[in-house]
Amino acid sequence: MGALFPMRLLTLTLAAVTLVSCTNTSDDFDQLSGFLRPGQQQPVARSEPLIRANVPRLQVSFPTTERAGVMLLEGTRDGVDTWLSADGGTLIMQRGMLRGSRGFGQGLLSSDISEALEFVFSGQEGTAHRFHTYLNGNDETATRTYICRIENRGPRVTTIGGIVIDARLMAEECQSLDQQFQNLYWVRNSDNLIVQSSQWLGDFIGAVNTRVIPQL
């Protein structure tokens, strides 16, 4: 599983995770080295320029494996963001919604989230279809179809980095023939961006919780 850039506190839920303020490059590297896989001495080389550039950071936690940490924004292309972990694992997201992953167990190679994305960002309720393509243990791809019910659960107030944020909570309940999962999205009212979420990544890893870290 991908190793994350370390934080001062590891926890199971986003609500209890302490945000990290990275103000010194040397300190950053010391922190990064503490949450790598055994035998790995330092973060992947391509993380160094990202740290020095003070790129946006994403706070993440995996409740199933009790891991938590920070990922760095490696790049954005056609509105799709790639977030980098310490050992090269990535989360691929569109406006904060997961589209794919690499290096975190069973790989979510790609997904069609266009219908769900429209409901979540419009604040409307309805039924959406999702299509996920996974890579299995035999290096074979398998595509699953999910029918999802999306609900607007109303206004919520959350605090991130000491900043109080007014948001709406959108819930997505998805089901296939043999699987079901729930995604939750806290969408900030001021700019319609997902600032916090809990999203299902697959059978192997379960859910990943995310929270945007305010830039200093």
C-alpha atoms as a PDB file:
ATOM      1  CA  MET A   1       0.000   0.000   0.000  1.00  0.00           C
ATOM      2  CA  GLY A   2       1.190   3.522  -0.720  1.00  0.00           C
ATOM      3  CA  ALA A   3       2.933   5.312   2.096  1.00  0.00           C
ATOM      4  CA  LEU A   4       1.663   8.756   2.953  1.00  0.00           C
ATOM      5  CA  PHE A   5       3.520  11.898   3.872  1.00  0.00           C
ATOM      6  CA  PRO A   6       3.438  11.756   7.685  1.00  0.00           C
ATOM      7  CA  MET A   7       1.436  13.849  10.056  1.00  0.00           C
ATOM      8  CA  ARG A   8       1.922  14.553  13.749  1.00  0.00           C
ATOM      9  CA  LEU A   9      -1.083  12.427  14.691  1.00  0.00           C
ATOM     10  CA  LEU A  10      -2.413   9.195  13.191  1.00  0.00           C
ATOM     11  CA  THR A  11      -6.098   8.500  13.660  1.00  0.00           C
ATOM     12  CA  LEU A  12      -9.054   6.673  12.188  1.00  0.00           C
ATOM     13  CA  THR A  13     -11.300   9.622  11.418  1.00  0.00           C
ATOM     14  CA  LEU A  14     -10.845  12.997   9.812  1.00  0.00           C
ATOM     15  CA  ALA A  15     -12.509  14.751  12.707  1.00  0.00           C
ATOM     16  CA  ALA A  16      -9.688  13.815  15.082  1.00  0.00           C
ATOM     17  CA  VAL A  17      -6.720  14.299  12.777  1.00  0.00           C
ATOM     18  CA  THR A  18      -4.410  17.237  13.543  1.00  0.00           C
ATOM     19  CA  LEU A  19      -3.476  19.414  10.579  1.00  0.00           C
ATOM     20  CA  VAL A  20       0.192  19.833   9.786  1.00  0.00           C
ATOM     21  CA  SER A  21       1.653  23.220   8.949  1.00  0.00           C
ATOM     22  CA  CYS A  22       4.718  22.759   6.766  1.00  0.00           C
ATOM     23  CA  THR A  23       6.847  25.865   7.013  1.00  0.00           C
ATOM     24  CA  ASN A  24      10.388  24.540   6.760  1.00  0.00           C
ATOM     25  CA  THR A  25      11.665  22.350   3.937  1.00  0.00           C
ATOM     26  CA  SER A  26      14.151  20.508   6.146  1.00  0.00           C
ATOM     27  CA  ASP A  27      11.418  19.737   8.660  1.00  0.00           C
ATOM     28  CA  ASP A  28       9.200  18.571   5.807  1.00  0.00           C
ATOM     29  CA  PHE A  29      11.757  15.973   4.729  1.00  0.00           C
ATOM     30  CA  ASP A  30      12.177  14.767   8.315  1.00  0.00           C
ATOM     31  CA  GLN A  31       8.422  14.289   8.578  1.00  0.00           C
ATOM     32  CA  LEU A  32       8.127  12.620   5.184  1.00  0.00           C
ATOM     33  CA  SER A  33      10.717   9.974   6.021  1.00  0.00           C
ATOM     34  CA  GLY A  34       8.859   8.724   9.064  1.00  0.00           C
ATOM     35  CA  PHE A  35       5.893   7.145   7.278  1.00  0.00           C
ATOM     36  CA  LEU A  36       7.548   5.168   4.493  1.00  0.00           C
ATOM     37  CA  ARG A  37       7.532   1.431   3.917  1.00  0.00           C
ATOM     38  CA  PRO A  38      10.248  -0.600   5.689  1.00  0.00           C
ATOM     39  CA  GLY A  39      13.532  -0.304   3.824  1.00  0.00           C
ATOM     40  CA  GLN A  40      12.604   2.888   2.011  1.00  0.00           C
ATOM     41  CA  GLN A  41      14.927   5.664   3.153  1.00  0.00           C
ATOM     42  CA  GLN A  42      13.231   8.749   1.732  1.00  0.00           C
ATOM     43  CA  PRO A  43      10.228   9.901  -0.275  1.00  0.00           C
ATOM     44  CA  VAL A  44      10.225   9.450  -4.039  1.00  0.00           C
ATOM     45  CA  ALA A  45      12.485  11.953  -5.800  1.00  0.00           C
ATOM     46  CA  ARG A  46       9.679  13.734  -7.598  1.00  0.00           C
ATOM     47  CA  SER A  47       8.246  14.876  -4.261  1.00  0.00           C
ATOM     48  CA  GLU A  48      11.196  17.212  -3.526  1.00  0.00           C
ATOM     49  CA  PRO A  49      10.287  20.027  -5.950  1.00  0.00           C
ATOM     50  CA  LEU A  50       6.664  19.803  -4.826  1.00  0.00           C
ATOM     51  CA  ILE A  51       7.667  20.336  -1.204  1.00  0.00           C
ATOM     52  CA  ARG A  52       9.877  23.283  -2.100  1.00  0.00           C
ATOM     53  CA  ALA A  53       7.102  24.826  -4.187  1.00  0.00           C
ATOM     54  CA  ASN A  54       4.670  24.541  -1.268  1.00  0.00           C
ATOM     55  CA  VAL A  55       2.018  22.930  -3.464  1.00  0.00           C
ATOM     56  CA  PRO A  56      -1.464  22.237  -2.069  1.00  0.00           C
ATOM     57  CA  ARG A  57      -1.706  19.371   0.395  1.00  0.00           C
ATOM     58  CA  LEU A  58      -4.494  16.880   1.014  1.00  0.00           C
ATOM     59  CA  GLN A  59      -5.043  15.278   4.407  1.00  0.00           C
ATOM     60  CA  VAL A  60      -6.066  11.629   4.047  1.00  0.00           C
ATOM     61  CA  SER A  61      -6.849   8.656   6.252  1.00  0.00           C
ATOM     62  CA  PHE A  62      -7.699   5.018   5.591  1.00  0.00           C
ATOM     63  CA  PRO A  63      -9.916   3.719   8.442  1.00  0.00           C
ATOM     64  CA  THR A  64      -9.512   0.061   7.430  1.00  0.00           C
ATOM     65  CA  THR A  65      -5.711   0.120   7.723  1.00  0.00           C
ATOM     66  CA  GLU A  66      -5.427   2.838  10.393  1.00  0.00           C
ATOM     67  CA  ARG A  67      -3.090   4.934   8.253  1.00  0.00           C
ATOM     68  CA  ALA A  68      -3.237   8.692   7.899  1.00  0.00           C
ATOM     69  CA  GLY A  69      -1.069  11.391   6.403  1.00  0.00           C
ATOM     70  CA  VAL A  70      -0.660  14.058   3.775  1.00  0.00           C
ATOM     71  CA  MET A  71      -0.468  13.873  -0.013  1.00  0.00           C
ATOM     72  CA  LEU A  72       0.938  16.533  -2.352  1.00  0.00           C
ATOM     73  CA  LEU A  73      -0.674  17.905  -5.505  1.00  0.00           C
ATOM     74  CA  GLU A  74       1.611  16.639  -8.276  1.00  0.00           C
ATOM     75  CA  GLY A  75      -0.278  18.090 -11.202  1.00  0.00           C
ATOM     76  CA  THR A  76      -3.585  19.021 -12.811  1.00  0.00           C
ATOM     77  CA  ARG A  77      -4.663  18.175 -16.338  1.00  0.00           C
ATOM     78  CA  ASP A  78      -8.040  18.899 -17.904  1.00  0.00           C
ATOM     79  CA  GLY A  79      -9.506  19.544 -14.468  1.00  0.00           C
ATOM     80  CA  VAL A  80      -8.229  16.267 -12.991  1.00  0.00           C
ATOM     81  CA  ASP A  81      -5.810  16.407 -10.038  1.00  0.00           C
ATOM     82  CA  THR A  82      -3.103  13.849  -9.217  1.00  0.00           C
ATOM     83  CA  TRP A  83      -2.124  13.641  -5.529  1.00  0.00           C
ATOM     84  CA  LEU A  84       1.204  12.005  -4.644  1.00  0.00           C
ATOM     85  CA  SER A  85       2.086   9.903  -1.577  1.00  0.00           C
ATOM     86  CA  ALA A  86       5.576   9.436  -0.113  1.00  0.00           C
ATOM     87  CA  ASP A  87       6.332   6.228  -2.020  1.00  0.00           C
ATOM     88  CA  GLY A  88       4.724   7.183  -5.316  1.00  0.00           C
ATOM     89  CA  GLY A  89       1.138   6.094  -4.764  1.00  0.00           C
ATOM     90  CA  THR A  90      -1.458   8.428  -6.246  1.00  0.00           C
ATOM     91  CA  LEU A  91      -5.089   9.422  -5.901  1.00  0.00           C
ATOM     92  CA  ILE A  92      -6.712  10.830  -9.029  1.00  0.00           C
ATOM     93  CA  MET A  93      -9.551  13.254  -8.355  1.00  0.00           C
ATOM     94  CA  GLN A  94     -11.891  15.545 -10.252  1.00  0.00           C
ATOM     95  CA  ARG A  95     -13.075  18.503  -8.169  1.00  0.00           C
ATOM     96  CA  GLY A  96     -12.450  16.401  -5.080  1.00  0.00           C
ATOM     97  CA  MET A  97     -14.269  13.284  -6.301  1.00  0.00           C
ATOM     98  CA  LEU A  98     -12.204  10.113  -6.734  1.00  0.00           C
ATOM     99  CA  ARG A  99     -11.664   8.887 -10.273  1.00  0.00           C
ATOM    100  CA  GLY A 100      -8.753   6.501  -9.798  1.00  0.00           C
ATOM    101  CA  SER A 101      -5.804   5.343  -7.711  1.00  0.00           C
ATOM    102  CA  ARG A 102      -2.398   3.738  -8.067  1.00  0.00           C
ATOM    103  CA  GLY A 103      -0.315   2.013  -5.393  1.00  0.00           C
ATOM    104  CA  PHE A 104      -3.067   1.519  -2.802  1.00  0.00           C
ATOM    105  CA  GLY A 105      -3.885  -2.169  -3.066  1.00  0.00           C
ATOM    106  CA  GLN A 106      -6.481  -3.054  -5.675  1.00  0.00           C
ATOM    107  CA  GLY A 107      -6.089  -0.355  -8.287  1.00  0.00           C
ATOM    108  CA  LEU A 108      -9.041   1.738  -9.400  1.00  0.00           C
ATOM    109  CA  LEU A 109      -7.789   2.259 -12.935  1.00  0.00           C
ATOM    110  CA  SER A 110     -10.564   4.582 -14.011  1.00  0.00           C
ATOM    111  CA  SER A 111     -14.160   5.505 -13.357  1.00  0.00           C
ATOM    112  CA  ASP A 112     -17.003   7.390 -14.992  1.00  0.00           C
ATOM    113  CA  ILE A 113     -18.412   9.686 -12.301  1.00  0.00           C
ATOM    114  CA  SER A 114     -19.993  12.277 -14.587  1.00  0.00           C
ATOM    115  CA  GLU A 115     -23.576  11.702 -13.454  1.00  0.00           C
ATOM    116  CA  ALA A 116     -22.728  11.686  -9.750  1.00  0.00           C
ATOM    117  CA  LEU A 117     -20.551  14.769 -10.142  1.00  0.00           C
ATOM    118  CA  GLU A 118     -23.419  16.728 -11.679  1.00  0.00           C
ATOM    119  CA  PHE A 119     -25.775  15.939  -8.784  1.00  0.00           C
ATOM    120  CA  VAL A 120     -23.207  16.607  -6.057  1.00  0.00           C
ATOM    121  CA  PHE A 121     -22.197  20.033  -7.331  1.00  0.00           C
ATOM    122  CA  SER A 122     -25.704  21.166  -8.243  1.00  0.00           C
ATOM    123  CA  GLY A 123     -27.020  20.193  -4.817  1.00  0.00           C
ATOM    124  CA  GLN A 124     -29.813  18.242  -6.483  1.00  0.00           C
ATOM    125  CA  GLU A 125     -31.062  14.778  -5.556  1.00  0.00           C
ATOM    126  CA  GLY A 126     -31.527  11.872  -7.927  1.00  0.00           C
ATOM    127  CA  THR A 127     -30.201   8.588  -9.290  1.00  0.00           C
ATOM    128  CA  ALA A 128     -26.810   8.291 -10.986  1.00  0.00           C
ATOM    129  CA  HIS A 129     -24.820   5.497 -12.593  1.00  0.00           C
ATOM    130  CA  ARG A 130     -21.138   4.859 -11.871  1.00  0.00           C
ATOM    131  CA  PHE A 131     -18.712   2.693 -13.831  1.00  0.00           C
ATOM    132  CA  HIS A 132     -15.499   1.546 -12.086  1.00  0.00           C
ATOM    133  CA  THR A 133     -12.659  -0.343 -13.776  1.00  0.00           C
ATOM    134  CA  TYR A 134     -10.376  -2.283 -11.411  1.00  0.00           C
ATOM    135  CA  LEU A 135      -7.148  -4.216 -11.814  1.00  0.00           C
ATOM    136  CA  ASN A 136      -7.368  -7.606 -10.086  1.00  0.00           C
ATOM    137  CA  GLY A 137      -4.621  -9.847  -8.698  1.00  0.00           C
ATOM    138  CA  ASN A 138      -4.132 -11.494 -12.093  1.00  0.00           C
ATOM    139  CA  ASP A 139      -3.438  -8.130 -13.753  1.00  0.00           C
ATOM    140  CA  GLU A 140      -6.808  -8.342 -15.479  1.00  0.00           C
ATOM    141  CA  THR A 141      -9.311  -5.508 -15.677  1.00  0.00           C
ATOM    142  CA  ALA A 142     -12.890  -5.781 -14.487  1.00  0.00           C
ATOM    143  CA  THR A 143     -15.578  -3.124 -14.867  1.00  0.00           C
ATOM    144  CA  ARG A 144     -18.424  -2.797 -12.367  1.00  0.00           C
ATOM    145  CA  THR A 145     -21.629  -0.803 -12.713  1.00  0.00           C
ATOM    146  CA  TYR A 146     -23.270   0.863  -9.707  1.00  0.00           C
ATOM    147  CA  ILE A 147     -26.641   2.531  -9.307  1.00  0.00           C
ATOM    148  CA  CYS A 148     -26.371   5.396  -6.832  1.00  0.00           C
ATOM    149  CA  ARG A 149     -28.978   7.408  -4.969  1.00  0.00           C
ATOM    150  CA  ILE A 150     -27.741  10.919  -4.187  1.00  0.00           C
ATOM    151  CA  GLU A 151     -29.267  12.970  -1.371  1.00  0.00           C
ATOM    152  CA  ASN A 152     -28.772  16.504  -0.126  1.00  0.00           C
ATOM    153  CA  ARG A 153     -28.571  16.209   3.662  1.00  0.00           C
ATOM    154  CA  GLY A 154     -28.614  19.931   4.193  1.00  0.00           C
ATOM    155  CA  PRO A 155     -26.297  22.546   5.676  1.00  0.00           C
ATOM    156  CA  ARG A 156     -23.305  21.601   7.778  1.00  0.00           C
ATOM    157  CA  VAL A 157     -20.595  23.576   9.561  1.00  0.00           C
ATOM    158  CA  THR A 158     -17.070  22.152   9.669  1.00  0.00           C
ATOM    159  CA  THR A 159     -13.790  23.582  10.927  1.00  0.00           C
ATOM    160  CA  ILE A 160     -10.547  23.064   9.002  1.00  0.00           C
ATOM    161  CA  GLY A 161      -7.294  24.561  10.214  1.00  0.00           C
ATOM    162  CA  GLY A 162      -9.186  26.817  12.595  1.00  0.00           C
ATOM    163  CA  ILE A 163     -11.371  28.163   9.779  1.00  0.00           C
ATOM    164  CA  VAL A 164     -15.134  27.719  10.107  1.00  0.00           C
ATOM    165  CA  ILE A 165     -16.653  26.591   6.807  1.00  0.00           C
ATOM    166  CA  ASP A 166     -20.320  26.618   5.804  1.00  0.00           C
ATOM    167  CA  ALA A 167     -21.064  23.648   3.586  1.00  0.00           C
ATOM    168  CA  ARG A 168     -23.763  21.265   2.450  1.00  0.00           C
ATOM    169  CA  LEU A 169     -23.504  17.519   2.973  1.00  0.00           C
ATOM    170  CA  MET A 170     -24.172  15.381  -0.096  1.00  0.00           C
ATOM    171  CA  ALA A 171     -24.574  11.621   0.396  1.00  0.00           C
ATOM    172  CA  GLU A 172     -24.208   8.993  -2.323  1.00  0.00           C
ATOM    173  CA  GLU A 173     -25.513   5.464  -1.660  1.00  0.00           C
ATOM    174  CA  CYS A 174     -24.317   3.035  -4.356  1.00  0.00           C
ATOM    175  CA  GLN A 175     -25.143  -0.589  -5.072  1.00  0.00           C
ATOM    176  CA  SER A 176     -24.254  -3.258  -7.632  1.00  0.00           C
ATOM    177  CA  LEU A 177     -25.303  -6.903  -7.751  1.00  0.00           C
ATOM    178  CA  ASP A 178     -22.882  -7.856  -4.961  1.00  0.00           C
ATOM    179  CA  GLN A 179     -21.465  -4.619  -3.526  1.00  0.00           C
ATOM    180  CA  GLN A 180     -22.697  -1.502  -1.802  1.00  0.00           C
ATOM    181  CA  PHE A 181     -20.985   1.576  -0.412  1.00  0.00           C
ATOM    182  CA  GLN A 182     -21.584   5.148   0.703  1.00  0.00           C
ATOM    183  CA  ASN A 183     -19.737   8.330  -0.242  1.00  0.00           C
ATOM    184  CA  LEU A 184     -20.074  11.584   1.702  1.00  0.00           C
ATOM    185  CA  TYR A 185     -19.089  15.021   0.409  1.00  0.00           C
ATOM    186  CA  TRP A 186     -18.913  18.312   2.318  1.00  0.00           C
ATOM    187  CA  VAL A 187     -19.278  20.967  -0.400  1.00  0.00           C
ATOM    188  CA  ARG A 188     -18.258  24.506   0.590  1.00  0.00           C
ATOM    189  CA  ASN A 189     -20.996  27.034  -0.130  1.00  0.00           C
ATOM    190  CA  SER A 190     -18.717  29.930  -1.055  1.00  0.00           C
ATOM    191  CA  ASP A 191     -17.034  28.274  -4.048  1.00  0.00           C
ATOM    192  CA  ASN A 192     -18.824  24.907  -4.489  1.00  0.00           C
ATOM    193  CA  LEU A 193     -15.679  22.880  -3.749  1.00  0.00           C
ATOM    194  CA  ILE A 194     -15.416  19.605  -1.820  1.00  0.00           C
ATOM    195  CA  VAL A 195     -13.422  20.406   1.310  1.00  0.00           C
ATOM    196  CA  GLN A 196     -13.945  17.093   3.108  1.00  0.00           C
ATOM    197  CA  SER A 197     -15.108  13.649   2.029  1.00  0.00           C
ATOM    198  CA  SER A 198     -15.357   9.948   2.728  1.00  0.00           C
ATOM    199  CA  GLN A 199     -15.135   7.937  -0.501  1.00  0.00           C
ATOM    200  CA  TRP A 200     -15.030   4.240  -1.275  1.00  0.00           C
ATOM    201  CA  LEU A 201     -11.889   3.085  -3.054  1.00  0.00           C
ATOM    202  CA  GLY A 202     -12.582  -0.649  -3.389  1.00  0.00           C
ATOM    203  CA  ASP A 203     -12.961  -3.946  -1.518  1.00  0.00           C
ATOM    204  CA  PHE A 204      -9.298  -4.185  -0.533  1.00  0.00           C
ATOM    205  CA  ILE A 205      -8.732  -0.737   0.932  1.00  0.00           C
ATOM    206  CA  GLY A 206     -12.279   0.340   1.771  1.00  0.00           C
ATOM    207  CA  ALA A 207     -12.930   4.041   2.250  1.00  0.00           C
ATOM    208  CA  VAL A 208     -10.499   6.933   2.078  1.00  0.00           C
ATOM    209  CA  ASN A 209     -11.240  10.107   4.027  1.00  0.00           C
ATOM    210  CA  THR A 210      -9.969  13.393   2.627  1.00  0.00           C
ATOM    211  CA  ARG A 211      -9.738  16.960   3.845  1.00  0.00           C
ATOM    212  CA  VAL A 212      -8.259  19.972   2.075  1.00  0.00           C
ATOM    213  CA  ILE A 213      -5.437  21.621   4.045  1.00  0.00           C
ATOM    214  CA  PRO A 214      -5.585  25.430   3.911  1.00  0.00           C
ATOM    215  CA  GLN A 215      -2.440  26.921   2.375  1.00  0.00           C
ATOM    216  CA  LEU A 216      -0.500  29.317   4.575  1.00  0.00           C
END
